[in-house]
Full PDB file with SEQRES, HELIX, SHEET, SSBOND, CRYST1, ORIGX, SCALE, CONECT and MASTER records, all heavy atoms in Angstrom:
SEQRES   1 A   30  VAL GLN SER TRP SER GLY LEU LEU LEU THR ASP TYR GLY          
SEQRES   2 A   30  ARG THR LEU SER LEU LYS LEU LEU TRP ALA VAL GLY ALA          
SEQRES   3 A   30  LEU GLY PHE GLY                                              
HELIX    1 AA1 TRP A    4  LEU A    9  1                                   6    
HELIX    2 AA2 ASP A   11  PHE A   29  1                                  19    
CRYST1    1.000    1.000    1.000  90.00  90.00  90.00 P 1           1          
ORIGX1      1.000000  0.000000  0.000000        0.00000                         
ORIGX2      0.000000  1.000000  0.000000        0.00000                         
ORIGX3      0.000000  0.000000  1.000000        0.00000                         
SCALE1      1.000000  0.000000  0.000000        0.00000                         
SCALE2      0.000000  1.000000  0.000000        0.00000                         
SCALE3      0.000000  0.000000  1.000000        0.00000                         
ATOM      1  N   VAL A   1      -2.858  -3.778 -25.960  1.00  0.00           N  
ATOM      2  CA  VAL A   1      -1.468  -4.027 -25.746  1.00  0.00           C  
ATOM      3  C   VAL A   1      -1.045  -5.405 -26.262  1.00  0.00           C  
ATOM      4  O   VAL A   1       0.115  -5.602 -26.698  1.00  0.00           O  
ATOM      5  CB  VAL A   1      -1.109  -3.926 -24.247  1.00  0.00           C  
ATOM      6  CG1 VAL A   1      -1.320  -2.484 -23.776  1.00  0.00           C  
ATOM      7  CG2 VAL A   1      -1.834  -4.892 -23.392  1.00  0.00           C  
ATOM      8  N   GLN A   2      -1.912  -6.417 -26.259  1.00  0.00           N  
ATOM      9  CA  GLN A   2      -1.738  -7.721 -26.865  1.00  0.00           C  
ATOM     10  C   GLN A   2      -0.630  -8.578 -26.157  1.00  0.00           C  
ATOM     11  O   GLN A   2      -0.480  -9.766 -26.510  1.00  0.00           O  
ATOM     12  CB  GLN A   2      -1.429  -7.574 -28.341  1.00  0.00           C  
ATOM     13  CG  GLN A   2      -2.553  -7.049 -29.145  1.00  0.00           C  
ATOM     14  CD  GLN A   2      -3.776  -7.929 -29.258  1.00  0.00           C  
ATOM     15  OE1 GLN A   2      -3.604  -9.121 -29.413  1.00  0.00           O  
ATOM     16  NE2 GLN A   2      -4.947  -7.370 -29.104  1.00  0.00           N  
ATOM     17  N   SER A   3       0.129  -8.060 -25.250  1.00  0.00           N  
ATOM     18  CA  SER A   3       1.235  -8.815 -24.653  1.00  0.00           C  
ATOM     19  C   SER A   3       1.613  -8.229 -23.358  1.00  0.00           C  
ATOM     20  O   SER A   3       1.280  -7.052 -23.012  1.00  0.00           O  
ATOM     21  CB  SER A   3       2.468  -8.846 -25.592  1.00  0.00           C  
ATOM     22  OG  SER A   3       3.016  -7.548 -25.698  1.00  0.00           O  
ATOM     23  N   TRP A   4       2.269  -9.060 -22.478  1.00  0.00           N  
ATOM     24  CA  TRP A   4       2.733  -8.590 -21.196  1.00  0.00           C  
ATOM     25  C   TRP A   4       3.799  -7.528 -21.396  1.00  0.00           C  
ATOM     26  O   TRP A   4       3.866  -6.539 -20.601  1.00  0.00           O  
ATOM     27  CB  TRP A   4       3.293  -9.751 -20.370  1.00  0.00           C  
ATOM     28  CG  TRP A   4       2.207 -10.657 -19.881  1.00  0.00           C  
ATOM     29  CD1 TRP A   4       2.044 -11.942 -20.338  1.00  0.00           C  
ATOM     30  CD2 TRP A   4       1.185 -10.444 -18.922  1.00  0.00           C  
ATOM     31  NE1 TRP A   4       0.927 -12.507 -19.733  1.00  0.00           N  
ATOM     32  CE2 TRP A   4       0.410 -11.615 -18.827  1.00  0.00           C  
ATOM     33  CE3 TRP A   4       0.847  -9.307 -18.161  1.00  0.00           C  
ATOM     34  CZ2 TRP A   4      -0.684 -11.672 -18.019  1.00  0.00           C  
ATOM     35  CZ3 TRP A   4      -0.173  -9.380 -17.259  1.00  0.00           C  
ATOM     36  CH2 TRP A   4      -0.929 -10.530 -17.250  1.00  0.00           C  
ATOM     37  N   SER A   5       4.613  -7.631 -22.405  1.00  0.00           N  
ATOM     38  CA  SER A   5       5.648  -6.593 -22.568  1.00  0.00           C  
ATOM     39  C   SER A   5       4.973  -5.292 -23.022  1.00  0.00           C  
ATOM     40  O   SER A   5       5.428  -4.216 -22.602  1.00  0.00           O  
ATOM     41  CB  SER A   5       6.655  -7.034 -23.751  1.00  0.00           C  
ATOM     42  OG  SER A   5       5.943  -7.262 -24.972  1.00  0.00           O  
ATOM     43  N   GLY A   6       3.909  -5.351 -23.787  1.00  0.00           N  
ATOM     44  CA  GLY A   6       3.153  -4.134 -24.145  1.00  0.00           C  
ATOM     45  C   GLY A   6       2.545  -3.522 -22.917  1.00  0.00           C  
ATOM     46  O   GLY A   6       2.506  -2.266 -22.822  1.00  0.00           O  
ATOM     47  N   LEU A   7       2.155  -4.309 -21.962  1.00  0.00           N  
ATOM     48  CA  LEU A   7       1.591  -3.815 -20.769  1.00  0.00           C  
ATOM     49  C   LEU A   7       2.603  -3.146 -19.900  1.00  0.00           C  
ATOM     50  O   LEU A   7       2.345  -2.116 -19.227  1.00  0.00           O  
ATOM     51  CB  LEU A   7       0.909  -4.979 -19.925  1.00  0.00           C  
ATOM     52  CG  LEU A   7       0.179  -4.607 -18.689  1.00  0.00           C  
ATOM     53  CD1 LEU A   7      -1.027  -3.699 -18.913  1.00  0.00           C  
ATOM     54  CD2 LEU A   7      -0.267  -5.821 -17.915  1.00  0.00           C  
ATOM     55  N   LEU A   8       3.839  -3.668 -19.813  1.00  0.00           N  
ATOM     56  CA  LEU A   8       4.766  -3.154 -18.956  1.00  0.00           C  
ATOM     57  C   LEU A   8       5.762  -2.106 -19.490  1.00  0.00           C  
ATOM     58  O   LEU A   8       6.346  -1.314 -18.784  1.00  0.00           O  
ATOM     59  CB  LEU A   8       5.629  -4.321 -18.404  1.00  0.00           C  
ATOM     60  CG  LEU A   8       4.840  -5.410 -17.630  1.00  0.00           C  
ATOM     61  CD1 LEU A   8       5.795  -6.627 -17.288  1.00  0.00           C  
ATOM     62  CD2 LEU A   8       4.264  -4.849 -16.354  1.00  0.00           C  
ATOM     63  N   LEU A   9       5.909  -2.194 -20.815  1.00  0.00           N  
ATOM     64  CA  LEU A   9       6.982  -1.363 -21.471  1.00  0.00           C  
ATOM     65  C   LEU A   9       6.419  -0.159 -22.267  1.00  0.00           C  
ATOM     66  O   LEU A   9       7.270   0.703 -22.667  1.00  0.00           O  
ATOM     67  CB  LEU A   9       7.827  -2.242 -22.365  1.00  0.00           C  
ATOM     68  CG  LEU A   9       8.523  -3.397 -21.624  1.00  0.00           C  
ATOM     69  CD1 LEU A   9       9.398  -4.184 -22.697  1.00  0.00           C  
ATOM     70  CD2 LEU A   9       9.435  -2.869 -20.577  1.00  0.00           C  
ATOM     71  N   THR A  10       5.111  -0.073 -22.503  1.00  0.00           N  
ATOM     72  CA  THR A  10       4.635   1.040 -23.278  1.00  0.00           C  
ATOM     73  C   THR A  10       3.969   2.054 -22.329  1.00  0.00           C  
ATOM     74  O   THR A  10       3.528   1.710 -21.249  1.00  0.00           O  
ATOM     75  CB  THR A  10       3.580   0.596 -24.342  1.00  0.00           C  
ATOM     76  OG1 THR A  10       2.448   0.005 -23.682  1.00  0.00           O  
ATOM     77  CG2 THR A  10       4.214  -0.511 -25.239  1.00  0.00           C  
ATOM     78  N   ASP A  11       3.851   3.319 -22.786  1.00  0.00           N  
ATOM     79  CA  ASP A  11       3.184   4.358 -21.990  1.00  0.00           C  
ATOM     80  C   ASP A  11       1.716   3.910 -21.706  1.00  0.00           C  
ATOM     81  O   ASP A  11       1.165   4.137 -20.672  1.00  0.00           O  
ATOM     82  CB  ASP A  11       3.283   5.697 -22.666  1.00  0.00           C  
ATOM     83  CG  ASP A  11       4.674   6.248 -22.681  1.00  0.00           C  
ATOM     84  OD1 ASP A  11       5.463   5.834 -21.861  1.00  0.00           O  
ATOM     85  OD2 ASP A  11       4.959   7.078 -23.525  1.00  0.00           O  
ATOM     86  N   TYR A  12       0.999   3.478 -22.823  1.00  0.00           N  
ATOM     87  CA  TYR A  12      -0.386   3.048 -22.610  1.00  0.00           C  
ATOM     88  C   TYR A  12      -0.508   1.903 -21.628  1.00  0.00           C  
ATOM     89  O   TYR A  12      -1.383   1.921 -20.779  1.00  0.00           O  
ATOM     90  CB  TYR A  12      -0.921   2.571 -23.970  1.00  0.00           C  
ATOM     91  CG  TYR A  12      -2.411   2.106 -23.865  1.00  0.00           C  
ATOM     92  CD1 TYR A  12      -3.418   3.026 -24.028  1.00  0.00           C  
ATOM     93  CD2 TYR A  12      -2.626   0.742 -23.675  1.00  0.00           C  
ATOM     94  CE1 TYR A  12      -4.734   2.583 -23.960  1.00  0.00           C  
ATOM     95  CE2 TYR A  12      -4.004   0.318 -23.583  1.00  0.00           C  
ATOM     96  CZ  TYR A  12      -5.038   1.208 -23.699  1.00  0.00           C  
ATOM     97  OH  TYR A  12      -6.262   0.778 -23.635  1.00  0.00           O  
ATOM     98  N   GLY A  13       0.401   0.947 -21.690  1.00  0.00           N  
ATOM     99  CA  GLY A  13       0.365  -0.175 -20.768  1.00  0.00           C  
ATOM    100  C   GLY A  13       0.603   0.262 -19.328  1.00  0.00           C  
ATOM    101  O   GLY A  13      -0.070  -0.245 -18.366  1.00  0.00           O  
ATOM    102  N   ARG A  14       1.555   1.126 -19.100  1.00  0.00           N  
ATOM    103  CA  ARG A  14       1.801   1.588 -17.769  1.00  0.00           C  
ATOM    104  C   ARG A  14       0.638   2.410 -17.179  1.00  0.00           C  
ATOM    105  O   ARG A  14       0.256   2.264 -16.021  1.00  0.00           O  
ATOM    106  CB  ARG A  14       3.115   2.326 -17.720  1.00  0.00           C  
ATOM    107  CG  ARG A  14       4.357   1.462 -17.814  1.00  0.00           C  
ATOM    108  CD  ARG A  14       5.613   2.297 -17.513  1.00  0.00           C  
ATOM    109  NE  ARG A  14       5.906   3.229 -18.664  1.00  0.00           N  
ATOM    110  CZ  ARG A  14       6.711   3.016 -19.658  1.00  0.00           C  
ATOM    111  NH1 ARG A  14       7.294   1.833 -19.784  1.00  0.00           N  
ATOM    112  NH2 ARG A  14       6.963   3.957 -20.643  1.00  0.00           N  
ATOM    113  N   THR A  15       0.090   3.178 -18.043  1.00  0.00           N  
ATOM    114  CA  THR A  15      -1.169   3.986 -17.613  1.00  0.00           C  
ATOM    115  C   THR A  15      -2.255   3.027 -17.336  1.00  0.00           C  
ATOM    116  O   THR A  15      -2.930   3.253 -16.224  1.00  0.00           O  
ATOM    117  CB  THR A  15      -1.582   5.015 -18.730  1.00  0.00           C  
ATOM    118  OG1 THR A  15      -0.482   5.874 -19.022  1.00  0.00           O  
ATOM    119  CG2 THR A  15      -2.762   5.787 -18.260  1.00  0.00           C  
ATOM    120  N   LEU A  16      -2.467   2.093 -18.091  1.00  0.00           N  
ATOM    121  CA  LEU A  16      -3.517   1.024 -17.837  1.00  0.00           C  
ATOM    122  C   LEU A  16      -3.280   0.349 -16.506  1.00  0.00           C  
ATOM    123  O   LEU A  16      -4.192   0.129 -15.724  1.00  0.00           O  
ATOM    124  CB  LEU A  16      -3.564   0.002 -18.931  1.00  0.00           C  
ATOM    125  CG  LEU A  16      -4.513  -1.128 -18.815  1.00  0.00           C  
ATOM    126  CD1 LEU A  16      -5.961  -0.623 -18.737  1.00  0.00           C  
ATOM    127  CD2 LEU A  16      -4.351  -2.131 -19.977  1.00  0.00           C  
ATOM    128  N   SER A  17      -2.002  -0.054 -16.260  1.00  0.00           N  
ATOM    129  CA  SER A  17      -1.674  -0.732 -15.013  1.00  0.00           C  
ATOM    130  C   SER A  17      -1.987   0.152 -13.840  1.00  0.00           C  
ATOM    131  O   SER A  17      -2.564  -0.386 -12.784  1.00  0.00           O  
ATOM    132  CB  SER A  17      -0.122  -1.089 -15.019  1.00  0.00           C  
ATOM    133  OG  SER A  17       0.158  -1.940 -16.074  1.00  0.00           O  
ATOM    134  N   LEU A  18      -1.731   1.382 -13.870  1.00  0.00           N  
ATOM    135  CA  LEU A  18      -2.021   2.349 -12.792  1.00  0.00           C  
ATOM    136  C   LEU A  18      -3.536   2.420 -12.535  1.00  0.00           C  
ATOM    137  O   LEU A  18      -4.028   2.414 -11.485  1.00  0.00           O  
ATOM    138  CB  LEU A  18      -1.386   3.716 -12.992  1.00  0.00           C  
ATOM    139  CG  LEU A  18       0.080   3.831 -12.941  1.00  0.00           C  
ATOM    140  CD1 LEU A  18       0.593   5.198 -13.360  1.00  0.00           C  
ATOM    141  CD2 LEU A  18       0.595   3.480 -11.519  1.00  0.00           C  
ATOM    142  N   LYS A  19      -4.314   2.467 -13.659  1.00  0.00           N  
ATOM    143  CA  LYS A  19      -5.726   2.553 -13.543  1.00  0.00           C  
ATOM    144  C   LYS A  19      -6.305   1.249 -12.973  1.00  0.00           C  
ATOM    145  O   LYS A  19      -7.206   1.354 -12.135  1.00  0.00           O  
ATOM    146  CB  LYS A  19      -6.343   2.799 -14.928  1.00  0.00           C  
ATOM    147  CG  LYS A  19      -6.090   4.168 -15.499  1.00  0.00           C  
ATOM    148  CD  LYS A  19      -6.530   4.292 -16.965  1.00  0.00           C  
ATOM    149  CE  LYS A  19      -8.044   4.048 -17.093  1.00  0.00           C  
ATOM    150  NZ  LYS A  19      -8.539   4.205 -18.486  1.00  0.00           N  
ATOM    151  N   LEU A  20      -5.723   0.136 -13.297  1.00  0.00           N  
ATOM    152  CA  LEU A  20      -6.177  -1.085 -12.744  1.00  0.00           C  
ATOM    153  C   LEU A  20      -5.921  -1.194 -11.248  1.00  0.00           C  
ATOM    154  O   LEU A  20      -6.776  -1.729 -10.479  1.00  0.00           O  
ATOM    155  CB  LEU A  20      -5.611  -2.300 -13.561  1.00  0.00           C  
ATOM    156  CG  LEU A  20      -5.995  -2.464 -14.952  1.00  0.00           C  
ATOM    157  CD1 LEU A  20      -5.271  -3.594 -15.633  1.00  0.00           C  
ATOM    158  CD2 LEU A  20      -7.544  -2.669 -15.076  1.00  0.00           C  
ATOM    159  N   LEU A  21      -4.734  -0.722 -10.869  1.00  0.00           N  
ATOM    160  CA  LEU A  21      -4.389  -0.763  -9.410  1.00  0.00           C  
ATOM    161  C   LEU A  21      -5.374   0.189  -8.686  1.00  0.00           C  
ATOM    162  O   LEU A  21      -5.800  -0.176  -7.571  1.00  0.00           O  
ATOM    163  CB  LEU A  21      -2.963  -0.325  -9.207  1.00  0.00           C  
ATOM    164  CG  LEU A  21      -1.852  -1.302  -9.664  1.00  0.00           C  
ATOM    165  CD1 LEU A  21      -0.476  -0.636  -9.511  1.00  0.00           C  
ATOM    166  CD2 LEU A  21      -1.991  -2.522  -8.757  1.00  0.00           C  
ATOM    167  N   TRP A  22      -5.657   1.340  -9.223  1.00  0.00           N  
ATOM    168  CA  TRP A  22      -6.648   2.251  -8.616  1.00  0.00           C  
ATOM    169  C   TRP A  22      -8.041   1.510  -8.480  1.00  0.00           C  
ATOM    170  O   TRP A  22      -8.700   1.634  -7.473  1.00  0.00           O  
ATOM    171  CB  TRP A  22      -6.811   3.490  -9.515  1.00  0.00           C  
ATOM    172  CG  TRP A  22      -7.923   4.338  -8.939  1.00  0.00           C  
ATOM    173  CD1 TRP A  22      -7.888   5.277  -7.929  1.00  0.00           C  
ATOM    174  CD2 TRP A  22      -9.310   4.316  -9.422  1.00  0.00           C  
ATOM    175  NE1 TRP A  22      -9.144   5.904  -7.795  1.00  0.00           N  
ATOM    176  CE2 TRP A  22     -10.002   5.272  -8.698  1.00  0.00           C  
ATOM    177  CE3 TRP A  22      -9.914   3.593 -10.412  1.00  0.00           C  
ATOM    178  CZ2 TRP A  22     -11.349   5.502  -8.902  1.00  0.00           C  
ATOM    179  CZ3 TRP A  22     -11.278   3.810 -10.563  1.00  0.00           C  
ATOM    180  CH2 TRP A  22     -11.984   4.770  -9.814  1.00  0.00           C  
ATOM    181  N   ALA A  23      -8.429   0.797  -9.544  1.00  0.00           N  
ATOM    182  CA  ALA A  23      -9.723   0.169  -9.510  1.00  0.00           C  
ATOM    183  C   ALA A  23      -9.801  -0.901  -8.439  1.00  0.00           C  
ATOM    184  O   ALA A  23     -10.766  -1.052  -7.792  1.00  0.00           O  
ATOM    185  CB  ALA A  23     -10.035  -0.421 -10.911  1.00  0.00           C  
ATOM    186  N   VAL A  24      -8.693  -1.698  -8.336  1.00  0.00           N  
ATOM    187  CA  VAL A  24      -8.661  -2.715  -7.275  1.00  0.00           C  
ATOM    188  C   VAL A  24      -8.735  -2.060  -5.873  1.00  0.00           C  
ATOM    189  O   VAL A  24      -9.526  -2.569  -4.964  1.00  0.00           O  
ATOM    190  CB  VAL A  24      -7.344  -3.524  -7.387  1.00  0.00           C  
ATOM    191  CG1 VAL A  24      -7.174  -4.459  -6.148  1.00  0.00           C  
ATOM    192  CG2 VAL A  24      -7.347  -4.362  -8.649  1.00  0.00           C  
ATOM    193  N   GLY A  25      -8.050  -1.011  -5.670  1.00  0.00           N  
ATOM    194  CA  GLY A  25      -8.149  -0.297  -4.381  1.00  0.00           C  
ATOM    195  C   GLY A  25      -9.515   0.252  -4.105  1.00  0.00           C  
ATOM    196  O   GLY A  25     -10.007   0.151  -2.954  1.00  0.00           O  
ATOM    197  N   ALA A  26     -10.116   0.804  -5.131  1.00  0.00           N  
ATOM    198  CA  ALA A  26     -11.479   1.399  -4.990  1.00  0.00           C  
ATOM    199  C   ALA A  26     -12.525   0.255  -4.748  1.00  0.00           C  
ATOM    200  O   ALA A  26     -13.463   0.407  -3.979  1.00  0.00           O  
ATOM    201  CB  ALA A  26     -11.931   2.123  -6.190  1.00  0.00           C  
ATOM    202  N   LEU A  27     -12.265  -0.910  -5.344  1.00  0.00           N  
ATOM    203  CA  LEU A  27     -13.219  -2.033  -5.094  1.00  0.00           C  
ATOM    204  C   LEU A  27     -13.147  -2.509  -3.636  1.00  0.00           C  
ATOM    205  O   LEU A  27     -14.126  -2.715  -3.016  1.00  0.00           O  
ATOM    206  CB  LEU A  27     -12.831  -3.190  -6.051  1.00  0.00           C  
ATOM    207  CG  LEU A  27     -13.634  -4.497  -5.894  1.00  0.00           C  
ATOM    208  CD1 LEU A  27     -15.097  -4.209  -6.237  1.00  0.00           C  
ATOM    209  CD2 LEU A  27     -13.082  -5.550  -6.839  1.00  0.00           C  
ATOM    210  N   GLY A  28     -11.905  -2.660  -3.104  1.00  0.00           N  
ATOM    211  CA  GLY A  28     -11.768  -3.039  -1.710  1.00  0.00           C  
ATOM    212  C   GLY A  28     -12.272  -2.037  -0.731  1.00  0.00           C  
ATOM    213  O   GLY A  28     -12.937  -2.384   0.209  1.00  0.00           O  
ATOM    214  N   PHE A  29     -12.082  -0.776  -1.005  1.00  0.00           N  
ATOM    215  CA  PHE A  29     -12.552   0.309  -0.176  1.00  0.00           C  
ATOM    216  C   PHE A  29     -14.057   0.353  -0.158  1.00  0.00           C  
ATOM    217  O   PHE A  29     -14.723   0.483   0.848  1.00  0.00           O  
ATOM    218  CB  PHE A  29     -11.974   1.618  -0.603  1.00  0.00           C  
ATOM    219  CG  PHE A  29     -12.510   2.809   0.221  1.00  0.00           C  
ATOM    220  CD1 PHE A  29     -11.936   3.049   1.501  1.00  0.00           C  
ATOM    221  CD2 PHE A  29     -13.482   3.617  -0.260  1.00  0.00           C  
ATOM    222  CE1 PHE A  29     -12.375   4.083   2.276  1.00  0.00           C  
ATOM    223  CE2 PHE A  29     -13.947   4.672   0.511  1.00  0.00           C  
ATOM    224  CZ  PHE A  29     -13.356   4.919   1.794  1.00  0.00           C  
ATOM    225  N   GLY A  30     -14.655   0.131  -1.418  1.00  0.00           N  
ATOM    226  CA  GLY A  30     -16.138   0.100  -1.485  1.00  0.00           C  
ATOM    227  C   GLY A  30     -16.753  -0.973  -0.671  1.00  0.00           C  
ATOM    228  O   GLY A  30     -17.775  -0.822  -0.024  1.00  0.00           O  
TER     229      GLY A  30                                                      
MASTER        0    0    0    2    0    0    0    6  228    1    0    3          
END                                                                             
């Protein structure tokens, strides 16, 4: 994505953000 706008405004970036949120939740649960 190379930028914060790419992370927030592209489909790839939004999918990545959801995956990262899931990973943070799984880390805390584990």
